[in-house]
Amino acid sequence: MRTYDNILDLIGHTPLLKLRTGIPPDGPRAYVKLEFFNPTGSVKDRMTLHIIKKAMAEGRLKAGDTVIDNTSGNTGSALAMVAKLMGLKAILTTPEKTSKEKIDLIKSYGAELIITPEVPHDDPRSFYAVARRLAKEKGYFDLDQYDSQDNVESHYLSTGPEIWEDTDGQITHFVCGIGTGGTFSGAARFLKEKNHKIKAIAVDPEGSMFTDYIRYRKETAGHPYKVEGIGSDVMTGAMHPDVVDEIITVSDKDSFHRARLIAREEGISAGGSSGTVAYAMEQAARDLGPESLMVGIFADSGIKYLSKCYSDDWMRRQGFMPQEEVAR
């Protein structure tokens, strides 16, 4: 009989599933790592558990303390759940564009949630600035996912090794969206240490500043975009540009339509950012043959976006579907 005593024991060891949509018949073997198999439905469970366990082991955090961070939703639910089980209090800040499903999930674990205007990071009203200010003023433990090297370490120690082991070391291309950059940087660094020939392909939404910074080391203002959880308007410490071999940008429209297509064609209900990654995998696959093995990260579940990219009405309001189009 195989049983578990604590839901935290179920974090990690997520499955690899073959991806067919957009991959040429004579193209690479393509797989996606389904991070929505983690307990709160996203890759952020890994980072959150690692940072909190390490801080408690080192005496920087103890039961009864309050932990705070900014979130686009997934870190929020992960932190709310992990904190509750480890005797901590959690406060999250999130921008107005965060989906209702993710907001409700955070609240369901009993965390305090502060919703902020959709403004740049350096605006004192932003979800990033509010979290930093409260941490400093109140003495809360700041998870600080954007700049924490423990964020990177969590994926160096778990996500990267899992991919290497599950592909028997045959992986040739790693494809991952960049939000904080922790998942990409940690996993890519581990994989490149195992085989320096592995190509690490970062995926960025149009409007994010990461692309210009990684290509030209130039910080630009960027512009708003709708896909959640990836991209940024500020360079993060958890993003390590030195491990990037290529960066592919994808539009909101292509991201959302690809996520919807994969749900219909393959039964994989994943978030909009997974559509971004899948679309980028198609672009990369065009130049690869069957000797290559590509792994992409599907960071979270489509269930968290039923009111967003999986809603025909929302898609029409955003201009991503014609008014008369109906879902097939």
Protein backbone atom coordinates (compact mmCIF):
# COMPACT_ATOMS: atom_id res chain seq x y z
CA MET A 1 0.00 0.00 0.00
CA ARG A 2 1.42 3.39 -1.03
CA THR A 3 0.16 6.30 1.07
CA TYR A 4 1.32 9.76 2.13
CA ASP A 5 1.06 11.53 5.49
CA ASN A 6 1.27 15.12 4.26
CA ILE A 7 0.24 16.81 1.01
CA LEU A 8 3.63 18.54 0.92
CA ASP A 9 5.10 15.11 0.12
CA LEU A 10 3.30 15.24 -3.22
CA ILE A 11 5.23 18.25 -4.49
CA GLY A 12 7.46 17.46 -7.45
CA HIS A 13 7.99 14.33 -9.57
CA THR A 14 5.48 15.58 -12.11
CA PRO A 15 4.97 13.57 -15.32
CA LEU A 16 6.31 14.10 -18.82
CA LEU A 17 3.67 13.80 -21.54
CA LYS A 18 4.20 13.64 -25.29
CA LEU A 19 3.10 16.79 -27.14
CA ARG A 20 1.79 16.43 -30.68
CA THR A 21 0.18 19.77 -31.50
CA GLY A 22 2.45 21.87 -33.73
CA ILE A 23 5.25 19.31 -33.80
CA PRO A 24 6.14 18.08 -37.35
CA PRO A 25 5.79 14.30 -37.92
CA ASP A 26 9.48 14.15 -38.85
CA GLY A 27 10.44 16.60 -36.10
CA PRO A 28 11.85 16.13 -32.61
CA ARG A 29 10.44 14.03 -29.83
CA ALA A 30 8.55 16.62 -27.78
CA TYR A 31 7.35 16.31 -24.19
CA VAL A 32 5.83 18.68 -21.67
CA LYS A 33 6.32 18.51 -17.92
CA LEU A 34 2.88 18.89 -16.34
CA GLU A 35 3.48 21.06 -13.30
CA PHE A 36 -0.25 21.32 -12.60
CA PHE A 37 0.10 17.89 -10.97
CA ASN A 38 1.56 19.70 -7.95
CA PRO A 39 -0.90 20.10 -5.04
CA THR A 40 -1.94 23.72 -5.68
CA GLY A 41 -1.79 23.22 -9.44
CA SER A 42 1.46 24.95 -10.40
CA VAL A 43 5.24 24.82 -10.54
CA LYS A 44 5.43 27.38 -7.70
CA ASP A 45 4.83 24.71 -5.06
CA ARG A 46 8.44 23.59 -5.53
CA MET A 47 10.04 26.98 -4.90
CA THR A 48 7.79 27.92 -2.00
CA LEU A 49 8.34 24.72 -0.04
CA HIS A 50 12.10 24.84 -0.61
CA ILE A 51 12.51 28.47 0.49
CA ILE A 52 10.37 28.07 3.61
CA LYS A 53 11.92 24.76 4.71
CA LYS A 54 15.42 26.15 4.24
CA ALA A 55 14.63 29.36 6.15
CA MET A 56 13.11 27.42 9.05
CA ALA A 57 16.05 25.01 9.18
CA GLU A 58 18.47 27.95 9.31
CA GLY A 59 16.47 29.75 12.02
CA ARG A 60 15.49 32.71 9.82
CA LEU A 61 11.83 31.76 10.11
CA LYS A 62 9.84 30.10 12.87
CA ALA A 63 6.27 28.94 13.49
CA GLY A 64 3.92 31.87 14.05
CA ASP A 65 5.87 34.25 11.82
CA THR A 66 4.30 36.02 8.84
CA VAL A 67 5.54 35.44 5.30
CA ILE A 68 4.80 37.89 2.49
CA ASP A 69 5.35 38.05 -1.25
CA ASN A 70 3.96 39.49 -4.44
CA THR A 71 2.31 37.03 -6.83
CA SER A 72 0.56 36.72 -10.16
CA GLY A 73 -1.46 34.00 -8.45
CA ASN A 74 0.44 30.72 -8.41
CA THR A 75 3.05 31.61 -5.80
CA GLY A 76 0.18 33.00 -3.77
CA SER A 77 -1.74 29.73 -3.57
CA ALA A 78 1.48 27.78 -3.01
CA LEU A 79 2.59 30.08 -0.20
CA ALA A 80 -0.88 30.15 1.35
CA MET A 81 -1.00 26.34 1.46
CA VAL A 82 2.59 25.71 2.57
CA ALA A 83 2.48 28.44 5.22
CA LYS A 84 -0.73 27.08 6.74
CA LEU A 85 0.70 23.58 7.04
CA MET A 86 3.96 24.83 8.57
CA GLY A 87 2.33 27.06 11.18
CA LEU A 88 2.97 30.37 9.45
CA LYS A 89 0.79 33.29 8.43
CA ALA A 90 0.76 34.38 4.78
CA ILE A 91 0.09 37.76 3.13
CA LEU A 92 0.05 38.06 -0.66
CA THR A 93 -0.14 41.05 -2.98
CA THR A 94 -1.44 40.56 -6.52
CA PRO A 95 -2.35 42.83 -9.46
CA GLU A 96 -5.87 43.42 -10.71
CA LYS A 97 -5.35 41.30 -13.86
CA THR A 98 -4.96 38.10 -11.80
CA SER A 99 -7.74 35.66 -12.63
CA LYS A 100 -10.66 35.27 -10.24
CA GLU A 101 -9.93 31.54 -9.97
CA LYS A 102 -6.43 32.18 -8.66
CA ILE A 103 -7.62 34.87 -6.26
CA ASP A 104 -10.29 32.56 -4.83
CA LEU A 105 -7.79 29.70 -4.51
CA ILE A 106 -5.41 31.86 -2.46
CA LYS A 107 -8.25 32.88 -0.16
CA SER A 108 -9.41 29.27 0.22
CA TYR A 109 -6.20 28.45 2.12
CA GLY A 110 -6.83 31.27 4.60
CA ALA A 111 -4.19 33.74 3.46
CA GLU A 112 -4.61 37.51 3.48
CA LEU A 113 -4.74 38.96 -0.03
CA ILE A 114 -4.08 42.55 -1.11
CA ILE A 115 -5.14 43.42 -4.67
CA THR A 116 -3.19 46.29 -6.22
CA PRO A 117 -3.57 48.44 -9.37
CA GLU A 118 -1.98 47.28 -12.63
CA VAL A 119 1.00 49.67 -12.53
CA PRO A 120 4.78 49.34 -13.14
CA HIS A 121 6.91 47.66 -10.49
CA ASP A 122 8.56 50.89 -9.40
CA ASP A 123 5.20 52.52 -8.66
CA PRO A 124 4.69 52.45 -4.86
CA ARG A 125 1.15 51.07 -5.44
CA SER A 126 2.36 48.02 -7.39
CA PHE A 127 2.04 44.50 -6.03
CA TYR A 128 5.85 44.29 -5.98
CA ALA A 129 6.41 47.57 -4.12
CA VAL A 130 3.61 46.97 -1.59
CA ALA A 131 5.05 43.58 -0.62
CA ARG A 132 8.56 44.98 -0.17
CA ARG A 133 7.27 47.94 1.87
CA LEU A 134 5.18 45.79 4.22
CA ALA A 135 8.02 43.33 4.72
CA LYS A 136 10.33 46.15 5.73
CA GLU A 137 7.85 48.07 7.88
CA LYS A 138 6.33 45.07 9.68
CA GLY A 139 9.36 42.80 9.83
CA TYR A 140 7.67 40.04 7.83
CA PHE A 141 9.74 37.29 6.21
CA ASP A 142 10.00 38.28 2.55
CA LEU A 143 9.88 35.28 0.22
CA ASP A 144 11.07 37.68 -2.52
CA GLN A 145 10.62 35.20 -5.38
CA TYR A 146 11.85 37.69 -8.00
CA ASP A 147 15.36 37.94 -6.59
CA SER A 148 15.76 34.89 -4.34
CA GLN A 149 18.58 32.56 -5.34
CA ASP A 150 16.80 29.90 -3.30
CA ASN A 151 14.10 30.11 -5.95
CA VAL A 152 16.73 29.14 -8.55
CA GLU A 153 18.20 26.49 -6.24
CA SER A 154 14.81 24.77 -5.82
CA HIS A 155 14.68 23.99 -9.54
CA TYR A 156 18.38 23.14 -9.72
CA LEU A 157 17.72 20.50 -7.06
CA SER A 158 14.36 19.17 -8.29
CA THR A 159 13.02 20.17 -11.72
CA GLY A 160 16.30 19.82 -13.60
CA PRO A 161 17.22 16.42 -12.13
CA GLU A 162 13.72 15.06 -12.77
CA ILE A 163 13.89 16.04 -16.45
CA TRP A 164 17.34 14.51 -16.81
CA GLU A 165 16.31 11.27 -15.18
CA ASP A 166 12.95 10.94 -16.94
CA THR A 167 14.55 11.43 -20.38
CA ASP A 168 17.45 9.09 -19.54
CA GLY A 169 19.75 12.01 -20.23
CA GLN A 170 18.60 12.25 -23.86
CA ILE A 171 17.16 15.78 -23.65
CA THR A 172 18.64 18.15 -26.24
CA HIS A 173 16.38 21.23 -25.87
CA PHE A 174 14.78 22.75 -22.76
CA VAL A 175 11.93 25.23 -23.33
CA CYS A 176 10.53 27.28 -20.46
CA GLY A 177 8.65 30.52 -19.89
CA ILE A 178 10.39 33.16 -17.77
CA GLY A 179 8.51 35.00 -15.04
CA THR A 180 10.82 35.30 -12.07
CA GLY A 181 13.30 33.24 -14.08
CA GLY A 182 13.80 30.77 -11.25
CA THR A 183 12.39 27.70 -12.97
CA PHE A 184 14.28 28.39 -16.18
CA SER A 185 17.60 29.33 -14.56
CA GLY A 186 17.73 26.51 -12.03
CA ALA A 187 16.65 23.71 -14.35
CA ALA A 188 18.70 24.97 -17.30
CA ARG A 189 21.85 25.30 -15.21
CA PHE A 190 21.51 21.74 -13.90
CA LEU A 191 20.87 20.31 -17.37
CA LYS A 192 23.80 22.19 -18.92
CA GLU A 193 26.10 20.91 -16.21
CA LYS A 194 25.05 17.38 -17.16
CA ASN A 195 25.50 18.06 -20.90
CA HIS A 196 26.81 21.42 -22.11
CA LYS A 197 25.31 20.79 -25.58
CA ILE A 198 21.72 21.08 -24.29
CA LYS A 199 20.05 24.20 -25.68
CA ALA A 200 18.07 26.27 -23.18
CA ILE A 201 15.28 28.23 -24.89
CA ALA A 202 13.58 30.96 -22.86
CA VAL A 203 10.02 32.01 -23.77
CA ASP A 204 8.75 35.54 -23.22
CA PRO A 205 5.42 37.25 -23.95
CA GLU A 206 5.40 40.22 -26.31
CA GLY A 207 5.54 43.33 -24.11
CA SER A 208 7.93 41.91 -21.52
CA MET A 209 11.35 43.53 -21.05
CA PHE A 210 13.23 40.22 -20.71
CA THR A 211 13.75 39.73 -24.45
CA ASP A 212 15.61 43.00 -25.04
CA TYR A 213 17.62 42.58 -21.88
CA ILE A 214 18.71 39.03 -22.69
CA ARG A 215 19.51 39.80 -26.34
CA TYR A 216 21.07 43.24 -25.96
CA ARG A 217 21.54 43.76 -22.18
CA LYS A 218 19.25 46.73 -22.63
CA GLU A 219 16.43 47.58 -20.21
CA THR A 220 13.27 48.77 -21.98
CA ALA A 221 9.89 49.84 -20.68
CA GLY A 222 7.87 47.17 -22.49
CA HIS A 223 4.08 47.35 -22.71
CA PRO A 224 1.11 45.62 -21.02
CA TYR A 225 0.15 42.07 -21.98
CA LYS A 226 -2.58 39.71 -20.85
CA VAL A 227 -0.87 36.35 -20.33
CA GLU A 228 -0.22 35.73 -16.63
CA GLY A 229 2.78 34.35 -14.77
CA ILE A 230 5.52 35.03 -17.31
CA GLY A 231 7.30 38.14 -18.52
CA SER A 232 8.26 41.17 -16.48
CA ASP A 233 8.75 44.93 -16.60
CA VAL A 234 11.83 44.68 -14.38
CA MET A 235 14.94 42.50 -14.48
CA THR A 236 14.88 39.90 -11.72
CA GLY A 237 17.74 38.43 -9.74
CA ALA A 238 16.37 34.92 -10.25
CA MET A 239 16.81 35.23 -14.02
CA HIS A 240 20.32 34.17 -15.10
CA PRO A 241 20.83 35.38 -18.70
CA ASP A 242 24.10 33.45 -19.02
CA VAL A 243 22.23 30.13 -19.33
CA VAL A 244 19.97 31.34 -22.18
CA ASP A 245 20.86 30.05 -25.65
CA GLU A 246 17.81 31.46 -27.43
CA ILE A 247 14.73 33.49 -26.53
CA ILE A 248 11.42 33.31 -28.38
CA THR A 249 8.64 35.88 -27.99
CA VAL A 250 4.97 34.95 -28.41
CA SER A 251 1.88 37.17 -28.62
CA ASP A 252 -1.08 36.98 -26.25
CA LYS A 253 -3.33 35.88 -29.10
CA ASP A 254 -1.06 33.01 -30.14
CA SER A 255 -0.59 31.97 -26.51
CA PHE A 256 -4.29 31.78 -25.72
CA HIS A 257 -5.35 30.14 -28.96
CA ARG A 258 -2.64 27.50 -28.59
CA ALA A 259 -3.70 26.71 -25.02
CA ARG A 260 -7.31 26.30 -26.20
CA LEU A 261 -6.24 24.14 -29.15
CA ILE A 262 -4.20 21.79 -26.96
CA ALA A 263 -7.14 21.40 -24.58
CA ARG A 264 -9.44 20.44 -27.48
CA GLU A 265 -7.00 18.28 -29.43
CA GLU A 266 -5.00 16.58 -26.67
CA GLY A 267 -7.13 16.95 -23.54
CA ILE A 268 -4.39 18.93 -21.78
CA SER A 269 -6.01 21.82 -19.94
CA ALA A 270 -3.13 24.15 -19.11
CA GLY A 271 -2.77 27.88 -18.50
CA GLY A 272 -2.18 30.61 -21.04
CA SER A 273 1.56 30.59 -20.40
CA SER A 274 1.64 26.90 -21.33
CA GLY A 275 0.15 27.95 -24.65
CA THR A 276 3.05 30.40 -24.94
CA VAL A 277 5.55 27.60 -24.33
CA ALA A 278 3.80 25.21 -26.73
CA TYR A 279 3.77 27.82 -29.49
CA ALA A 280 7.51 28.44 -28.94
CA MET A 281 8.15 24.69 -29.05
CA GLU A 282 6.56 24.63 -32.50
CA GLN A 283 8.86 27.42 -33.67
CA ALA A 284 11.95 25.64 -32.36
CA ALA A 285 10.85 22.23 -33.69
CA ARG A 286 10.86 23.43 -37.30
CA ASP A 287 14.64 23.18 -37.45
CA LEU A 288 15.00 19.91 -35.55
CA GLY A 289 14.85 16.26 -36.55
CA PRO A 290 13.83 13.06 -34.74
CA GLU A 291 17.25 12.76 -33.13
CA SER A 292 16.38 15.73 -30.89
CA LEU A 293 14.37 15.52 -27.66
CA MET A 294 12.62 18.65 -26.47
CA VAL A 295 11.07 19.22 -23.03
CA GLY A 296 8.80 22.17 -22.25
CA ILE A 297 7.37 23.30 -18.92
CA PHE A 298 3.59 23.60 -18.58
CA ALA A 299 3.55 25.72 -15.42
CA ASP A 300 -0.09 25.55 -14.34
CA SER A 301 -3.64 24.37 -15.00
CA GLY A 302 -6.29 25.71 -17.32
CA ILE A 303 -8.78 25.44 -14.47
CA LYS A 304 -7.23 28.65 -13.14
CA TYR A 305 -8.24 30.55 -16.29
CA LEU A 306 -11.82 29.50 -16.99
CA SER A 307 -12.87 33.15 -16.71
CA LYS A 308 -10.00 34.29 -18.93
CA CYS A 309 -8.57 32.54 -22.02
CA TYR A 310 -11.04 29.63 -21.82
CA SER A 311 -13.99 32.03 -21.85
CA ASP A 312 -15.26 32.89 -25.34
CA ASP A 313 -16.75 36.13 -23.99
CA TRP A 314 -13.44 37.21 -22.45
CA MET A 315 -11.52 36.32 -25.62
CA ARG A 316 -13.93 38.43 -27.68
CA ARG A 317 -13.72 41.39 -25.28
CA GLN A 318 -9.94 41.34 -25.57
CA GLY A 319 -10.09 41.19 -29.36
CA PHE A 320 -8.63 37.68 -29.60
CA MET A 321 -11.74 36.20 -31.27
CA PRO A 322 -14.18 37.70 -33.78
CA GLN A 323 -17.49 38.66 -32.23
CA GLU A 324 -19.39 36.09 -34.27
CA GLU A 325 -16.94 33.19 -33.71
CA VAL A 326 -18.12 30.31 -31.55
CA ALA A 327 -15.97 27.69 -29.87
CA ARG A 328 -15.71 24.43 -31.78
